[in-house]
Amino acid sequence: MIKHLVFFKLAGEAEGNAKTENILLVKEKLEALKKVIPVIRKIEVFANHPQASSENYDVVLDSEFDSLEDLKMYAEHPAHMKVGEFIAKVGIGRAAIDYEF
């Protein structure tokens, strides 16, 4: 199994939305991928606690796949690419790690 973790830092305001609204939109869009990309075994998205440090990342994606090949299929899927385009418009930072467990 492959764990794919991605942390996102969002802009204060982007695409006409406040950061808090974009956090919710990113969460909704990422979690909706489970319904359209069958290779996703698990996908959860969490927002940084409002009272936690503003230096923290704003959103974390926690997802699991059977293999690196499945992760690649997910990454190249048109639905994932569309969500990525939105995140690129509202995001200002990203960090990721993939590991086997």
C-alpha atoms as a PDB file:
ATOM      1  CA  MET A   1       0.000   0.000   0.000  1.00  0.00           C
ATOM      2  CA  ILE A   2       1.092   3.556  -0.728  1.00  0.00           C
ATOM      3  CA  LYS A   3       0.297   6.507   1.516  1.00  0.00           C
ATOM      4  CA  HIS A   4       0.108   9.851  -0.301  1.00  0.00           C
ATOM      5  CA  LEU A   5       0.142  12.893   1.997  1.00  0.00           C
ATOM      6  CA  VAL A   6      -0.078  16.414   0.613  1.00  0.00           C
ATOM      7  CA  PHE A   7      -0.057  19.649   2.604  1.00  0.00           C
ATOM      8  CA  PHE A   8      -1.417  22.850   1.062  1.00  0.00           C
ATOM      9  CA  LYS A   9      -0.949  26.480   2.067  1.00  0.00           C
ATOM     10  CA  LEU A  10      -3.697  28.709   0.663  1.00  0.00           C
ATOM     11  CA  ALA A  11      -3.737  32.399  -0.190  1.00  0.00           C
ATOM     12  CA  GLY A  12      -5.614  34.771   2.108  1.00  0.00           C
ATOM     13  CA  GLU A  13      -8.102  35.468  -0.657  1.00  0.00           C
ATOM     14  CA  ALA A  14      -8.324  33.911  -4.119  1.00  0.00           C
ATOM     15  CA  GLU A  15     -10.879  33.292  -6.835  1.00  0.00           C
ATOM     16  CA  GLY A  16     -13.183  35.781  -5.110  1.00  0.00           C
ATOM     17  CA  ASN A  17     -13.320  33.716  -1.916  1.00  0.00           C
ATOM     18  CA  ALA A  18     -11.934  34.121   1.577  1.00  0.00           C
ATOM     19  CA  LYS A  19      -9.364  31.540   2.678  1.00  0.00           C
ATOM     20  CA  THR A  20     -11.911  29.768   4.906  1.00  0.00           C
ATOM     21  CA  GLU A  21     -14.257  29.261   1.953  1.00  0.00           C
ATOM     22  CA  ASN A  22     -11.452  27.979  -0.262  1.00  0.00           C
ATOM     23  CA  ILE A  23     -10.384  25.535   2.446  1.00  0.00           C
ATOM     24  CA  LEU A  24     -13.894  24.061   2.393  1.00  0.00           C
ATOM     25  CA  LEU A  25     -13.930  23.976  -1.417  1.00  0.00           C
ATOM     26  CA  VAL A  26     -10.560  22.206  -1.567  1.00  0.00           C
ATOM     27  CA  LYS A  27     -11.797  19.645   0.970  1.00  0.00           C
ATOM     28  CA  GLU A  28     -15.047  19.026  -0.930  1.00  0.00           C
ATOM     29  CA  LYS A  29     -13.355  18.762  -4.321  1.00  0.00           C
ATOM     30  CA  LEU A  30     -10.637  16.374  -3.131  1.00  0.00           C
ATOM     31  CA  GLU A  31     -13.006  14.119  -1.183  1.00  0.00           C
ATOM     32  CA  ALA A  32     -15.376  13.947  -4.186  1.00  0.00           C
ATOM     33  CA  LEU A  33     -12.604  12.263  -6.200  1.00  0.00           C
ATOM     34  CA  LYS A  34     -13.267   8.983  -4.355  1.00  0.00           C
ATOM     35  CA  LYS A  35     -16.529   8.644  -6.309  1.00  0.00           C
ATOM     36  CA  VAL A  36     -14.895   9.045  -9.726  1.00  0.00           C
ATOM     37  CA  ILE A  37     -11.398   7.543  -9.383  1.00  0.00           C
ATOM     38  CA  PRO A  38     -11.727   3.865  -8.416  1.00  0.00           C
ATOM     39  CA  VAL A  39      -8.029   3.329  -7.554  1.00  0.00           C
ATOM     40  CA  ILE A  40      -8.382   5.525  -4.448  1.00  0.00           C
ATOM     41  CA  ARG A  41      -8.565   3.216  -1.430  1.00  0.00           C
ATOM     42  CA  LYS A  42      -8.897   6.015   1.143  1.00  0.00           C
ATOM     43  CA  ILE A  43      -9.087   9.775   0.943  1.00  0.00           C
ATOM     44  CA  GLU A  44      -9.525  12.181   3.835  1.00  0.00           C
ATOM     45  CA  VAL A  45      -8.940  15.911   3.931  1.00  0.00           C
ATOM     46  CA  PHE A  46      -8.423  17.943   7.090  1.00  0.00           C
ATOM     47  CA  ALA A  47      -8.167  21.672   7.761  1.00  0.00           C
ATOM     48  CA  ASN A  48      -5.738  23.230  10.198  1.00  0.00           C
ATOM     49  CA  HIS A  49      -7.447  24.117  13.478  1.00  0.00           C
ATOM     50  CA  PRO A  50      -8.536  27.792  13.449  1.00  0.00           C
ATOM     51  CA  GLN A  51      -6.635  28.467  16.684  1.00  0.00           C
ATOM     52  CA  ALA A  52      -3.466  26.670  15.557  1.00  0.00           C
ATOM     53  CA  SER A  53      -0.466  28.572  14.256  1.00  0.00           C
ATOM     54  CA  SER A  54      -1.050  30.487  11.038  1.00  0.00           C
ATOM     55  CA  GLU A  55       2.430  29.285  10.036  1.00  0.00           C
ATOM     56  CA  ASN A  56       0.983  25.767   9.649  1.00  0.00           C
ATOM     57  CA  TYR A  57      -0.273  24.478   6.339  1.00  0.00           C
ATOM     58  CA  ASP A  58      -4.004  25.041   5.871  1.00  0.00           C
ATOM     59  CA  VAL A  59      -5.113  21.691   4.449  1.00  0.00           C
ATOM     60  CA  VAL A  60      -3.778  18.134   4.442  1.00  0.00           C
ATOM     61  CA  LEU A  61      -4.790  15.362   2.052  1.00  0.00           C
ATOM     62  CA  ASP A  62      -4.361  11.839   3.454  1.00  0.00           C
ATOM     63  CA  SER A  63      -4.876   9.189   0.781  1.00  0.00           C
ATOM     64  CA  GLU A  64      -4.007   5.541   0.158  1.00  0.00           C
ATOM     65  CA  PHE A  65      -3.459   3.448  -2.956  1.00  0.00           C
ATOM     66  CA  ASP A  66      -2.619  -0.191  -3.623  1.00  0.00           C
ATOM     67  CA  SER A  67       0.512   0.677  -5.615  1.00  0.00           C
ATOM     68  CA  LEU A  68       2.612   3.461  -7.094  1.00  0.00           C
ATOM     69  CA  GLU A  69       1.003   2.619 -10.437  1.00  0.00           C
ATOM     70  CA  ASP A  70      -2.435   3.352  -8.942  1.00  0.00           C
ATOM     71  CA  LEU A  71      -1.123   6.612  -7.486  1.00  0.00           C
ATOM     72  CA  LYS A  72       0.127   7.558 -10.961  1.00  0.00           C
ATOM     73  CA  MET A  73      -3.296   6.735 -12.461  1.00  0.00           C
ATOM     74  CA  TYR A  74      -4.902   8.970  -9.818  1.00  0.00           C
ATOM     75  CA  ALA A  75      -2.452  11.801 -10.483  1.00  0.00           C
ATOM     76  CA  GLU A  76      -3.116  11.674 -14.232  1.00  0.00           C
ATOM     77  CA  HIS A  77      -6.906  11.277 -13.998  1.00  0.00           C
ATOM     78  CA  PRO A  78      -8.787  14.217 -15.589  1.00  0.00           C
ATOM     79  CA  ALA A  79     -10.911  14.754 -12.454  1.00  0.00           C
ATOM     80  CA  HIS A  80      -7.769  15.027 -10.319  1.00  0.00           C
ATOM     81  CA  MET A  81      -6.195  17.387 -12.841  1.00  0.00           C
ATOM     82  CA  LYS A  82      -9.264  19.634 -12.679  1.00  0.00           C
ATOM     83  CA  VAL A  83      -9.075  19.819  -8.871  1.00  0.00           C
ATOM     84  CA  GLY A  84      -5.358  20.521  -9.194  1.00  0.00           C
ATOM     85  CA  GLU A  85      -6.095  23.479 -11.446  1.00  0.00           C
ATOM     86  CA  PHE A  86      -8.363  24.965  -8.776  1.00  0.00           C
ATOM     87  CA  ILE A  87      -5.806  24.363  -6.028  1.00  0.00           C
ATOM     88  CA  ALA A  88      -3.123  26.029  -8.165  1.00  0.00           C
ATOM     89  CA  LYS A  89      -5.304  29.152  -8.308  1.00  0.00           C
ATOM     90  CA  VAL A  90      -5.923  29.337  -4.551  1.00  0.00           C
ATOM     91  CA  GLY A  91      -2.715  27.785  -3.230  1.00  0.00           C
ATOM     92  CA  ILE A  92       0.624  29.371  -2.429  1.00  0.00           C
ATOM     93  CA  GLY A  93       2.509  26.329  -1.134  1.00  0.00           C
ATOM     94  CA  ARG A  94       2.552  22.537  -1.311  1.00  0.00           C
ATOM     95  CA  ALA A  95       4.516  19.732   0.314  1.00  0.00           C
ATOM     96  CA  ALA A  96       4.024  16.024  -0.334  1.00  0.00           C
ATOM     97  CA  ILE A  97       5.359  12.620   0.588  1.00  0.00           C
ATOM     98  CA  ASP A  98       4.584   9.135  -0.720  1.00  0.00           C
ATOM     99  CA  TYR A  99       5.614   6.064   1.237  1.00  0.00           C
ATOM    100  CA  GLU A 100       4.962   2.349   1.372  1.00  0.00           C
ATOM    101  CA  PHE A 101       3.346   0.830   4.434  1.00  0.00           C
END
